[in-house]
């Protein structure tokens, strides 16, 4: 006889088939082999583990919002932190990312009309803002689609790896028109062929009106396969900014800074306008 979980059993005192009395300790009739087991009742008590599960299920049938409404004081705050806070933060983060992507997609694309890298900025904060504002007023005709970039995040193109790599990446992208840097940094960039001679970038008329003492000359050197170096032709690769920095910053500044023009730029008209502004050429 198959016994189900929760059923209670007992034994017949004698065989229901042949009437032979049950021998002690046996489950079957010793005469005919009939089973002497009999089911007396079913145990309706639910095991503790099943009762716990049922209770847990019943408790969870109440919604989180209903539970939250019933709580008070610190219990309500604790419940909010445990149950809602993570979801709220995740929701806000997703919303912020979505808004940022949407804004980036919808906002008008701006192209630089002049892009200058500034290596170890010689400008005061006020001087930098004045310089940027003046160049924007000079060159921008469509503010929605044009901008001026004066990138002063470079510390050294020679000694700082990150600055050097950033400069290389922007150069490879064809973005940089000019570089404001020290004369020592200028010589290094001349040797790396990152710069053009000034007279190859600005017009002859404007070049002729720049004071000779403001023209910074350099001689490029080129490495050879045998390890030797060959000197190139000396040329003006930079324009000294001493007087301009004194005017824009409002006090005398170091004479070691100059502006040079990259070998990749083709933004000649705007560079000419910037040079005229720097040297106050009317």
C-alpha atoms as a PDB file:
ATOM      1  CA  UNK A   1       0.000   0.000   0.000  1.00  0.00           C
ATOM      2  CA  UNK A   2       1.375   3.405  -0.912  1.00  0.00           C
ATOM      3  CA  UNK A   3       1.328   5.900   1.945  1.00  0.00           C
ATOM      4  CA  UNK A   4       1.103   9.628   1.176  1.00  0.00           C
ATOM      5  CA  UNK A   5       2.843  12.367   3.146  1.00  0.00           C
ATOM      6  CA  UNK A   6       0.705  13.468   6.110  1.00  0.00           C
ATOM      7  CA  UNK A   7      -1.344  10.235   6.348  1.00  0.00           C
ATOM      8  CA  UNK A   8      -1.454   8.280   9.657  1.00  0.00           C
ATOM      9  CA  UNK A   9      -1.498   4.417   9.577  1.00  0.00           C
ATOM     10  CA  UNK A  10      -2.445   1.583  11.939  1.00  0.00           C
ATOM     11  CA  UNK A  11      -2.721  -2.248  11.670  1.00  0.00           C
ATOM     12  CA  UNK A  12      -5.733  -4.548  11.516  1.00  0.00           C
ATOM     13  CA  UNK A  13      -5.850  -6.853  14.541  1.00  0.00           C
ATOM     14  CA  UNK A  14      -6.733  -9.707  12.218  1.00  0.00           C
ATOM     15  CA  UNK A  15      -6.593 -10.239   8.476  1.00  0.00           C
ATOM     16  CA  UNK A  16      -9.599  -8.690   6.705  1.00  0.00           C
ATOM     17  CA  UNK A  17      -9.328 -11.423   4.075  1.00  0.00           C
ATOM     18  CA  UNK A  18      -9.034 -14.717   5.989  1.00  0.00           C
ATOM     19  CA  UNK A  19      -9.526 -13.661   9.611  1.00  0.00           C
ATOM     20  CA  UNK A  20      -6.133 -14.903  10.826  1.00  0.00           C
ATOM     21  CA  UNK A  21      -4.950 -12.886  13.874  1.00  0.00           C
ATOM     22  CA  UNK A  22      -2.044 -10.516  13.199  1.00  0.00           C
ATOM     23  CA  UNK A  23       1.287 -11.819  14.431  1.00  0.00           C
ATOM     24  CA  UNK A  24       3.259  -9.290  16.473  1.00  0.00           C
ATOM     25  CA  UNK A  25       5.682  -7.161  14.454  1.00  0.00           C
ATOM     26  CA  UNK A  26       4.310  -8.159  11.038  1.00  0.00           C
ATOM     27  CA  UNK A  27       2.716  -5.984   8.338  1.00  0.00           C
ATOM     28  CA  UNK A  28       1.167  -8.836   6.328  1.00  0.00           C
ATOM     29  CA  UNK A  29      -1.035 -11.815   7.179  1.00  0.00           C
ATOM     30  CA  UNK A  30       1.026 -14.896   7.956  1.00  0.00           C
ATOM     31  CA  UNK A  31      -1.623 -17.075   6.348  1.00  0.00           C
ATOM     32  CA  UNK A  32      -2.624 -15.382   3.088  1.00  0.00           C
ATOM     33  CA  UNK A  33      -0.074 -12.536   2.755  1.00  0.00           C
ATOM     34  CA  UNK A  34      -2.692  -9.764   2.762  1.00  0.00           C
ATOM     35  CA  UNK A  35      -1.467  -6.339   3.954  1.00  0.00           C
ATOM     36  CA  UNK A  36      -2.633  -5.509   7.445  1.00  0.00           C
ATOM     37  CA  UNK A  37      -1.996  -1.724   7.123  1.00  0.00           C
ATOM     38  CA  UNK A  38      -4.929   0.624   7.418  1.00  0.00           C
ATOM     39  CA  UNK A  39      -5.096   4.451   7.059  1.00  0.00           C
ATOM     40  CA  UNK A  40      -6.859   5.956  10.022  1.00  0.00           C
ATOM     41  CA  UNK A  41      -6.688   9.745   9.227  1.00  0.00           C
ATOM     42  CA  UNK A  42      -4.822  12.386   7.312  1.00  0.00           C
ATOM     43  CA  UNK A  43      -2.493  14.851   9.082  1.00  0.00           C
ATOM     44  CA  UNK A  44      -3.690  18.272   8.047  1.00  0.00           C
ATOM     45  CA  UNK A  45      -0.924  20.112   9.904  1.00  0.00           C
ATOM     46  CA  UNK A  46       1.333  22.037   7.535  1.00  0.00           C
ATOM     47  CA  UNK A  47       5.092  21.523   8.140  1.00  0.00           C
ATOM     48  CA  UNK A  48       6.873  24.505   9.678  1.00  0.00           C
ATOM     49  CA  UNK A  49       8.944  25.304   6.605  1.00  0.00           C
ATOM     50  CA  UNK A  50       5.848  25.277   4.375  1.00  0.00           C
ATOM     51  CA  UNK A  51       3.969  27.437   6.872  1.00  0.00           C
ATOM     52  CA  UNK A  52       6.811  29.956   6.872  1.00  0.00           C
ATOM     53  CA  UNK A  53       6.785  30.111   3.086  1.00  0.00           C
ATOM     54  CA  UNK A  54       3.025  30.619   3.037  1.00  0.00           C
ATOM     55  CA  UNK A  55       3.290  33.381   5.630  1.00  0.00           C
ATOM     56  CA  UNK A  56       6.090  35.090   3.668  1.00  0.00           C
ATOM     57  CA  UNK A  57       4.023  34.871   0.502  1.00  0.00           C
ATOM     58  CA  UNK A  58       1.012  36.370   2.250  1.00  0.00           C
ATOM     59  CA  UNK A  59       3.069  39.232   3.550  1.00  0.00           C
ATOM     60  CA  UNK A  60       4.497  39.964   0.122  1.00  0.00           C
ATOM     61  CA  UNK A  61       1.056  40.205  -1.410  1.00  0.00           C
ATOM     62  CA  UNK A  62       0.909  43.741  -0.013  1.00  0.00           C
ATOM     63  CA  UNK A  63       2.388  46.240  -2.500  1.00  0.00           C
ATOM     64  CA  UNK A  64       5.535  48.227  -1.716  1.00  0.00           C
ATOM     65  CA  UNK A  65       3.606  51.493  -1.953  1.00  0.00           C
ATOM     66  CA  UNK A  66       1.016  50.261   0.573  1.00  0.00           C
ATOM     67  CA  UNK A  67       3.758  49.152   2.933  1.00  0.00           C
ATOM     68  CA  UNK A  68       5.493  52.526   2.585  1.00  0.00           C
ATOM     69  CA  UNK A  69       2.267  54.404   3.400  1.00  0.00           C
ATOM     70  CA  UNK A  70       1.744  52.401   6.565  1.00  0.00           C
ATOM     71  CA  UNK A  71       5.221  53.066   7.934  1.00  0.00           C
ATOM     72  CA  UNK A  72       6.092  56.128  10.021  1.00  0.00           C
ATOM     73  CA  UNK A  73       9.125  58.113  11.112  1.00  0.00           C
ATOM     74  CA  UNK A  74      12.515  56.405  10.932  1.00  0.00           C
ATOM     75  CA  UNK A  75      10.994  53.160   9.670  1.00  0.00           C
ATOM     76  CA  UNK A  76       9.586  54.994   6.655  1.00  0.00           C
ATOM     77  CA  UNK A  77      12.958  56.662   5.923  1.00  0.00           C
ATOM     78  CA  UNK A  78      14.782  53.351   6.323  1.00  0.00           C
ATOM     79  CA  UNK A  79      12.334  51.633   3.977  1.00  0.00           C
ATOM     80  CA  UNK A  80      12.800  54.405   1.408  1.00  0.00           C
ATOM     81  CA  UNK A  81      16.608  54.075   1.571  1.00  0.00           C
ATOM     82  CA  UNK A  82      16.491  50.268   1.293  1.00  0.00           C
ATOM     83  CA  UNK A  83      13.776  49.945  -1.326  1.00  0.00           C
ATOM     84  CA  UNK A  84      13.534  53.153  -3.372  1.00  0.00           C
ATOM     85  CA  UNK A  85      16.830  55.109  -3.178  1.00  0.00           C
ATOM     86  CA  UNK A  86      18.835  52.863  -5.493  1.00  0.00           C
ATOM     87  CA  UNK A  87      16.030  52.875  -8.048  1.00  0.00           C
ATOM     88  CA  UNK A  88      15.700  56.662  -7.866  1.00  0.00           C
ATOM     89  CA  UNK A  89      19.448  57.183  -8.364  1.00  0.00           C
ATOM     90  CA  UNK A  90      19.526  54.729 -11.273  1.00  0.00           C
ATOM     91  CA  UNK A  91      16.543  56.448 -12.859  1.00  0.00           C
ATOM     92  CA  UNK A  92      18.113  59.888 -12.525  1.00  0.00           C
ATOM     93  CA  UNK A  93      21.401  58.608 -13.978  1.00  0.00           C
ATOM     94  CA  UNK A  94      19.666  57.098 -16.988  1.00  0.00           C
ATOM     95  CA  UNK A  95      17.657  60.299 -17.488  1.00  0.00           C
ATOM     96  CA  UNK A  96      20.817  62.457 -17.305  1.00  0.00           C
ATOM     97  CA  UNK A  97      22.613  60.272 -19.867  1.00  0.00           C
ATOM     98  CA  UNK A  98      19.595  60.359 -22.172  1.00  0.00           C
ATOM     99  CA  UNK A  99      19.280  64.149 -21.899  1.00  0.00           C
ATOM    100  CA  UNK A 100      23.013  64.591 -22.512  1.00  0.00           C
ATOM    101  CA  UNK A 101      22.924  62.395 -25.612  1.00  0.00           C
ATOM    102  CA  UNK A 102      19.831  64.159 -26.895  1.00  0.00           C
ATOM    103  CA  UNK A 103      21.414  67.579 -26.334  1.00  0.00           C
ATOM    104  CA  UNK A 104      24.626  66.500 -28.079  1.00  0.00           C
ATOM    105  CA  UNK A 105      22.578  65.240 -31.005  1.00  0.00           C
ATOM    106  CA  UNK A 106      20.315  68.267 -31.328  1.00  0.00           C
ATOM    107  CA  UNK A 107      22.669  71.160 -30.578  1.00  0.00           C
ATOM    108  CA  UNK A 108      24.235  72.870 -33.609  1.00  0.00           C
ATOM    109  CA  UNK A 109      27.733  71.667 -34.444  1.00  0.00           C
ATOM    110  CA  UNK A 110      30.388  74.361 -33.984  1.00  0.00           C
ATOM    111  CA  UNK A 111      33.528  74.501 -36.083  1.00  0.00           C
ATOM    112  CA  UNK A 112      36.573  76.410 -34.801  1.00  0.00           C
ATOM    113  CA  UNK A 113      37.434  79.483 -36.863  1.00  0.00           C
ATOM    114  CA  UNK A 114      40.739  79.634 -34.957  1.00  0.00           C
ATOM    115  CA  UNK A 115      42.326  76.926 -32.800  1.00  0.00           C
ATOM    116  CA  UNK A 116      45.432  77.669 -30.774  1.00  0.00           C
ATOM    117  CA  UNK A 117      47.239  75.418 -28.331  1.00  0.00           C
ATOM    118  CA  UNK A 118      48.712  77.353 -25.383  1.00  0.00           C
ATOM    119  CA  UNK A 119      51.688  75.685 -23.716  1.00  0.00           C
ATOM    120  CA  UNK A 120      52.196  76.870 -20.105  1.00  0.00           C
ATOM    121  CA  UNK A 121      49.816  79.797 -20.418  1.00  0.00           C
ATOM    122  CA  UNK A 122      51.425  83.256 -20.097  1.00  0.00           C
ATOM    123  CA  UNK A 123      48.017  84.869 -19.629  1.00  0.00           C
ATOM    124  CA  UNK A 124      46.388  86.028 -16.428  1.00  0.00           C
ATOM    125  CA  UNK A 125      42.790  84.736 -16.118  1.00  0.00           C
ATOM    126  CA  UNK A 126      41.477  88.168 -17.094  1.00  0.00           C
ATOM    127  CA  UNK A 127      44.002  88.427 -19.929  1.00  0.00           C
ATOM    128  CA  UNK A 128      43.001  85.032 -21.287  1.00  0.00           C
ATOM    129  CA  UNK A 129      39.304  85.961 -21.277  1.00  0.00           C
ATOM    130  CA  UNK A 130      40.046  89.270 -22.974  1.00  0.00           C
ATOM    131  CA  UNK A 131      42.141  87.568 -25.662  1.00  0.00           C
ATOM    132  CA  UNK A 132      39.438  84.954 -26.331  1.00  0.00           C
ATOM    133  CA  UNK A 133      36.670  87.565 -26.385  1.00  0.00           C
ATOM    134  CA  UNK A 134      38.612  89.786 -28.807  1.00  0.00           C
ATOM    135  CA  UNK A 135      39.323  86.879 -31.197  1.00  0.00           C
ATOM    136  CA  UNK A 136      35.684  85.777 -31.108  1.00  0.00           C
ATOM    137  CA  UNK A 137      34.522  89.294 -31.920  1.00  0.00           C
ATOM    138  CA  UNK A 138      37.110  89.515 -34.697  1.00  0.00           C
ATOM    139  CA  UNK A 139      36.428  86.198 -36.448  1.00  0.00           C
ATOM    140  CA  UNK A 140      33.007  84.775 -35.599  1.00  0.00           C
ATOM    141  CA  UNK A 141      30.160  85.640 -37.956  1.00  0.00           C
ATOM    142  CA  UNK A 142      27.809  82.773 -37.021  1.00  0.00           C
ATOM    143  CA  UNK A 143      27.869  82.120 -33.236  1.00  0.00           C
ATOM    144  CA  UNK A 144      25.657  79.038 -33.540  1.00  0.00           C
ATOM    145  CA  UNK A 145      28.058  77.209 -35.816  1.00  0.00           C
ATOM    146  CA  UNK A 146      31.453  78.830 -35.141  1.00  0.00           C
ATOM    147  CA  UNK A 147      33.718  79.096 -32.108  1.00  0.00           C
ATOM    148  CA  UNK A 148      37.263  79.955 -31.063  1.00  0.00           C
ATOM    149  CA  UNK A 149      39.381  77.403 -29.194  1.00  0.00           C
ATOM    150  CA  UNK A 150      42.280  78.575 -27.032  1.00  0.00           C
ATOM    151  CA  UNK A 151      43.371  75.321 -25.403  1.00  0.00           C
ATOM    152  CA  UNK A 152      45.490  76.155 -22.343  1.00  0.00           C
ATOM    153  CA  UNK A 153      45.623  72.614 -20.915  1.00  0.00           C
ATOM    154  CA  UNK A 154      49.157  71.902 -22.141  1.00  0.00           C
ATOM    155  CA  UNK A 155      51.962  71.988 -19.572  1.00  0.00           C
ATOM    156  CA  UNK A 156      54.905  71.051 -21.830  1.00  0.00           C
ATOM    157  CA  UNK A 157      55.093  69.395 -25.221  1.00  0.00           C
ATOM    158  CA  UNK A 158      58.631  68.228 -24.428  1.00  0.00           C
ATOM    159  CA  UNK A 159      58.591  67.146 -20.768  1.00  0.00           C
ATOM    160  CA  UNK A 160      54.958  66.136 -20.247  1.00  0.00           C
ATOM    161  CA  UNK A 161      53.896  62.906 -21.979  1.00  0.00           C
ATOM    162  CA  UNK A 162      50.146  63.566 -21.774  1.00  0.00           C
ATOM    163  CA  UNK A 163      50.487  67.070 -23.222  1.00  0.00           C
ATOM    164  CA  UNK A 164      52.696  65.768 -26.023  1.00  0.00           C
ATOM    165  CA  UNK A 165      50.236  62.998 -26.884  1.00  0.00           C
ATOM    166  CA  UNK A 166      47.248  65.363 -26.786  1.00  0.00           C
ATOM    167  CA  UNK A 167      49.039  67.784 -29.097  1.00  0.00           C
ATOM    168  CA  UNK A 168      49.903  64.961 -31.496  1.00  0.00           C
ATOM    169  CA  UNK A 169      46.301  63.723 -31.595  1.00  0.00           C
ATOM    170  CA  UNK A 170      44.891  67.201 -32.313  1.00  0.00           C
ATOM    171  CA  UNK A 171      47.550  67.770 -34.958  1.00  0.00           C
ATOM    172  CA  UNK A 172      46.700  64.444 -36.606  1.00  0.00           C
ATOM    173  CA  UNK A 173      43.044  65.527 -36.639  1.00  0.00           C
ATOM    174  CA  UNK A 174      44.050  68.709 -38.482  1.00  0.00           C
ATOM    175  CA  UNK A 175      42.654  70.986 -35.784  1.00  0.00           C
ATOM    176  CA  UNK A 176      45.465  73.228 -34.533  1.00  0.00           C
ATOM    177  CA  UNK A 177      46.262  76.463 -36.387  1.00  0.00           C
ATOM    178  CA  UNK A 178      48.699  78.086 -33.970  1.00  0.00           C
ATOM    179  CA  UNK A 179      50.745  77.429 -30.846  1.00  0.00           C
ATOM    180  CA  UNK A 180      51.628  79.921 -28.112  1.00  0.00           C
ATOM    181  CA  UNK A 181      54.752  78.585 -26.421  1.00  0.00           C
ATOM    182  CA  UNK A 182      58.206  79.387 -25.060  1.00  0.00           C
ATOM    183  CA  UNK A 183      61.222  79.828 -27.323  1.00  0.00           C
ATOM    184  CA  UNK A 184      62.717  76.595 -25.971  1.00  0.00           C
ATOM    185  CA  UNK A 185      59.571  74.663 -26.854  1.00  0.00           C
ATOM    186  CA  UNK A 186      59.561  76.400 -30.250  1.00  0.00           C
ATOM    187  CA  UNK A 187      62.988  74.962 -31.156  1.00  0.00           C
ATOM    188  CA  UNK A 188      61.812  71.450 -30.315  1.00  0.00           C
ATOM    189  CA  UNK A 189      58.680  71.783 -32.466  1.00  0.00           C
ATOM    190  CA  UNK A 190      60.727  73.198 -35.348  1.00  0.00           C
ATOM    191  CA  UNK A 191      62.934  70.093 -35.243  1.00  0.00           C
ATOM    192  CA  UNK A 192      59.853  67.845 -35.217  1.00  0.00           C
ATOM    193  CA  UNK A 193      58.572  69.654 -38.343  1.00  0.00           C
ATOM    194  CA  UNK A 194      55.320  70.606 -36.612  1.00  0.00           C
ATOM    195  CA  UNK A 195      55.659  74.292 -37.562  1.00  0.00           C
ATOM    196  CA  UNK A 196      55.786  76.349 -40.742  1.00  0.00           C
ATOM    197  CA  UNK A 197      57.986  79.411 -41.262  1.00  0.00           C
ATOM    198  CA  UNK A 198      55.882  82.492 -40.539  1.00  0.00           C
ATOM    199  CA  UNK A 199      56.332  83.986 -44.001  1.00  0.00           C
ATOM    200  CA  UNK A 200      54.683  80.879 -45.489  1.00  0.00           C
ATOM    201  CA  UNK A 201      51.512  81.494 -43.480  1.00  0.00           C
ATOM    202  CA  UNK A 202      50.870  85.244 -43.353  1.00  0.00           C
ATOM    203  CA  UNK A 203      50.786  87.692 -46.224  1.00  0.00           C
ATOM    204  CA  UNK A 204      53.930  89.500 -47.337  1.00  0.00           C
ATOM    205  CA  UNK A 205      52.344  92.873 -46.523  1.00  0.00           C
ATOM    206  CA  UNK A 206      51.585  91.931 -42.914  1.00  0.00           C
ATOM    207  CA  UNK A 207      54.944  90.152 -42.493  1.00  0.00           C
ATOM    208  CA  UNK A 208      56.764  93.280 -43.611  1.00  0.00           C
ATOM    209  CA  UNK A 209      54.975  95.402 -40.970  1.00  0.00           C
ATOM    210  CA  UNK A 210      55.985  93.191 -38.052  1.00  0.00           C
ATOM    211  CA  UNK A 211      59.011  94.633 -36.185  1.00  0.00           C
ATOM    212  CA  UNK A 212      62.217  92.724 -36.880  1.00  0.00           C
ATOM    213  CA  UNK A 213      62.896  92.323 -33.146  1.00  0.00           C
ATOM    214  CA  UNK A 214      59.622  90.401 -32.833  1.00  0.00           C
ATOM    215  CA  UNK A 215      60.665  87.775 -35.386  1.00  0.00           C
ATOM    216  CA  UNK A 216      62.021  84.662 -33.676  1.00  0.00           C
ATOM    217  CA  UNK A 217      64.407  82.660 -35.840  1.00  0.00           C
ATOM    218  CA  UNK A 218      65.251  78.998 -35.527  1.00  0.00           C
ATOM    219  CA  UNK A 219      67.298  76.473 -37.469  1.00  0.00           C
ATOM    220  CA  UNK A 220      65.800  72.999 -37.837  1.00  0.00           C
ATOM    221  CA  UNK A 221      68.042  69.949 -37.504  1.00  0.00           C
ATOM    222  CA  UNK A 222      67.230  66.666 -39.194  1.00  0.00           C
ATOM    223  CA  UNK A 223      68.459  63.270 -37.942  1.00  0.00           C
ATOM    224  CA  UNK A 224      70.230  61.023 -40.436  1.00  0.00           C
ATOM    225  CA  UNK A 225      70.309  57.218 -40.638  1.00  0.00           C
ATOM    226  CA  UNK A 226      73.932  57.152 -39.445  1.00  0.00           C
ATOM    227  CA  UNK A 227      73.029  59.040 -36.271  1.00  0.00           C
ATOM    228  CA  UNK A 228      74.307  62.432 -37.401  1.00  0.00           C
ATOM    229  CA  UNK A 229      72.215  65.604 -37.671  1.00  0.00           C
ATOM    230  CA  UNK A 230      72.018  67.937 -40.653  1.00  0.00           C
ATOM    231  CA  UNK A 231      71.009  71.567 -40.194  1.00  0.00           C
ATOM    232  CA  UNK A 232      68.282  73.024 -42.346  1.00  0.00           C
ATOM    233  CA  UNK A 233      67.776  76.619 -43.396  1.00  0.00           C
ATOM    234  CA  UNK A 234      67.323  79.251 -40.701  1.00  0.00           C
ATOM    235  CA  UNK A 235      63.914  80.926 -40.849  1.00  0.00           C
ATOM    236  CA  UNK A 236      61.458  82.904 -38.737  1.00  0.00           C
ATOM    237  CA  UNK A 237      59.264  80.325 -37.022  1.00  0.00           C
ATOM    238  CA  UNK A 238      57.760  82.470 -34.264  1.00  0.00           C
ATOM    239  CA  UNK A 239      56.575  85.966 -33.388  1.00  0.00           C
ATOM    240  CA  UNK A 240      57.479  87.411 -29.992  1.00  0.00           C
ATOM    241  CA  UNK A 241      54.477  88.236 -27.810  1.00  0.00           C
ATOM    242  CA  UNK A 242      56.190  90.410 -25.175  1.00  0.00           C
ATOM    243  CA  UNK A 243      54.441  93.680 -26.032  1.00  0.00           C
ATOM    244  CA  UNK A 244      51.100  91.983 -26.678  1.00  0.00           C
ATOM    245  CA  UNK A 245      51.164  90.140 -23.320  1.00  0.00           C
ATOM    246  CA  UNK A 246      52.063  93.374 -21.523  1.00  0.00           C
ATOM    247  CA  UNK A 247      49.075  95.030 -23.152  1.00  0.00           C
ATOM    248  CA  UNK A 248      46.577  92.212 -22.540  1.00  0.00           C
ATOM    249  CA  UNK A 249      47.730  91.302 -19.007  1.00  0.00           C
ATOM    250  CA  UNK A 250      48.239  94.903 -17.890  1.00  0.00           C
ATOM    251  CA  UNK A 251      51.847  94.471 -16.725  1.00  0.00           C
ATOM    252  CA  UNK A 252      55.286  93.520 -18.052  1.00  0.00           C
ATOM    253  CA  UNK A 253      55.521  89.848 -18.892  1.00  0.00           C
ATOM    254  CA  UNK A 254      58.364  87.478 -19.750  1.00  0.00           C
ATOM    255  CA  UNK A 255      59.758  87.939 -23.256  1.00  0.00           C
ATOM    256  CA  UNK A 256      60.222  84.211 -23.800  1.00  0.00           C
ATOM    257  CA  UNK A 257      56.765  83.569 -25.282  1.00  0.00           C
ATOM    258  CA  UNK A 258      55.917  83.592 -28.965  1.00  0.00           C
ATOM    259  CA  UNK A 259      53.204  82.469 -31.342  1.00  0.00           C
ATOM    260  CA  UNK A 260      53.963  79.993 -34.122  1.00  0.00           C
ATOM    261  CA  UNK A 261      51.864  78.374 -36.835  1.00  0.00           C
ATOM    262  CA  UNK A 262      51.445  74.675 -37.488  1.00  0.00           C
ATOM    263  CA  UNK A 263      52.513  72.875 -40.617  1.00  0.00           C
ATOM    264  CA  UNK A 264      48.969  71.569 -41.119  1.00  0.00           C
ATOM    265  CA  UNK A 265      47.029  74.833 -41.035  1.00  0.00           C
ATOM    266  CA  UNK A 266      45.337  76.238 -44.088  1.00  0.00           C
ATOM    267  CA  UNK A 267      43.379  78.829 -42.133  1.00  0.00           C
ATOM    268  CA  UNK A 268      45.434  81.665 -43.597  1.00  0.00           C
ATOM    269  CA  UNK A 269      42.837  84.453 -43.659  1.00  0.00           C
ATOM    270  CA  UNK A 270      41.966  84.112 -39.975  1.00  0.00           C
ATOM    271  CA  UNK A 271      45.622  83.764 -38.965  1.00  0.00           C
ATOM    272  CA  UNK A 272      46.368  87.009 -40.801  1.00  0.00           C
ATOM    273  CA  UNK A 273      43.538  88.696 -38.903  1.00  0.00           C
ATOM    274  CA  UNK A 274      44.869  87.389 -35.572  1.00  0.00           C
ATOM    275  CA  UNK A 275      48.430  88.569 -36.326  1.00  0.00           C
ATOM    276  CA  UNK A 276      47.155  92.033 -37.232  1.00  0.00           C
ATOM    277  CA  UNK A 277      45.253  92.119 -33.920  1.00  0.00           C
ATOM    278  CA  UNK A 278      48.284  90.982 -31.879  1.00  0.00           C
ATOM    279  CA  UNK A 279      50.630  93.548 -33.423  1.00  0.00           C
ATOM    280  CA  UNK A 280      47.968  96.262 -33.684  1.00  0.00           C
ATOM    281  CA  UNK A 281      48.373  96.551 -37.440  1.00  0.00           C
ATOM    282  CA  UNK A 282      45.622  98.727 -38.910  1.00  0.00           C
END
